[in-house]
Amino acid sequence: MGVDDIEAVFNVIGAVCSSSIGILLPTFFYFRLVDKRKQPRKVSYYIALVICIIMTPYSLFSIVALYVGP
């Protein structure tokens, strides 16, 4: 009700949801499963950790890029 253009709302929601569903949630679930099952941390655990650390700022940048562009 307080937004002039509903497209801006859908853009922000889409940017947040697509990055979290596609990248952040799978790596988070993998971390939880490895810790819950008390499995040894293999190379795939550390690869998922690197992906999560690298892609978290990019998901924030996708939101900011919606409003900083030309």
Protein backbone atom coordinates (compact mmCIF):
# COMPACT_ATOMS: atom_id res chain seq x y z
CA MET A 1 0.00 0.00 0.00
CA GLY A 2 2.89 2.33 0.62
CA VAL A 3 4.71 1.48 -2.62
CA ASP A 4 4.08 3.39 -5.83
CA ASP A 5 5.10 0.54 -8.11
CA ILE A 6 4.44 -3.12 -7.24
CA GLU A 7 7.18 -4.14 -9.69
CA ALA A 8 9.81 -2.97 -7.19
CA VAL A 9 8.38 -5.26 -4.53
CA PHE A 10 8.38 -8.25 -6.86
CA ASN A 11 11.95 -7.49 -7.95
CA VAL A 12 13.23 -7.49 -4.38
CA ILE A 13 11.33 -10.64 -3.46
CA GLY A 14 12.58 -12.39 -6.58
CA ALA A 15 16.18 -11.40 -5.95
CA VAL A 16 16.08 -12.61 -2.36
CA CYS A 17 14.22 -15.84 -3.01
CA SER A 18 16.09 -16.95 -6.12
CA SER A 19 19.51 -16.60 -4.54
CA SER A 20 18.48 -18.21 -1.27
CA ILE A 21 16.61 -21.12 -2.86
CA GLY A 22 19.24 -21.81 -5.49
CA ILE A 23 22.48 -21.38 -3.58
CA LEU A 24 22.28 -20.64 0.12
CA LEU A 25 19.66 -23.13 1.33
CA PRO A 26 21.20 -26.25 -0.27
CA THR A 27 24.61 -25.51 1.22
CA PHE A 28 23.05 -24.75 4.62
CA PHE A 29 21.10 -28.02 4.56
CA TYR A 30 24.24 -29.91 3.62
CA PHE A 31 26.10 -28.42 6.61
CA ARG A 32 23.25 -29.38 8.94
CA LEU A 33 23.08 -32.94 7.63
CA VAL A 34 26.81 -33.52 8.00
CA ASP A 35 26.78 -32.14 11.55
CA LYS A 36 23.60 -33.95 12.59
CA ARG A 37 24.76 -37.32 11.31
CA LYS A 38 28.23 -36.69 12.78
CA GLN A 39 29.90 -37.64 9.52
CA PRO A 40 33.50 -36.73 8.83
CA ARG A 41 33.96 -33.49 6.95
CA LYS A 42 35.12 -34.33 3.46
CA VAL A 43 36.23 -32.14 0.59
CA SER A 44 32.62 -31.62 -0.50
CA TYR A 45 31.85 -30.03 2.87
CA TYR A 46 34.56 -27.44 2.40
CA ILE A 47 33.57 -26.82 -1.23
CA ALA A 48 30.01 -26.13 -0.08
CA LEU A 49 31.40 -23.80 2.60
CA VAL A 50 33.40 -21.84 0.03
CA ILE A 51 30.38 -21.60 -2.28
CA CYS A 52 28.23 -20.32 0.58
CA ILE A 53 30.80 -17.74 1.64
CA ILE A 54 31.40 -16.50 -1.90
CA MET A 55 27.77 -16.42 -3.02
CA THR A 56 26.26 -14.71 0.04
CA PRO A 57 27.60 -11.26 -0.91
CA TYR A 58 26.53 -11.80 -4.53
CA SER A 59 22.97 -12.41 -3.41
CA LEU A 60 23.07 -9.08 -1.61
CA PHE A 61 24.58 -7.40 -4.66
CA SER A 62 21.73 -8.67 -6.84
CA ILE A 63 19.30 -6.78 -4.63
CA VAL A 64 21.37 -3.62 -4.62
CA ALA A 65 21.90 -3.80 -8.41
CA LEU A 66 18.16 -3.43 -8.94
CA TYR A 67 18.27 0.12 -7.63
CA VAL A 68 21.77 1.35 -8.47
CA GLY A 69 21.59 0.71 -12.22
CA PRO A 70 21.14 3.39 -14.90
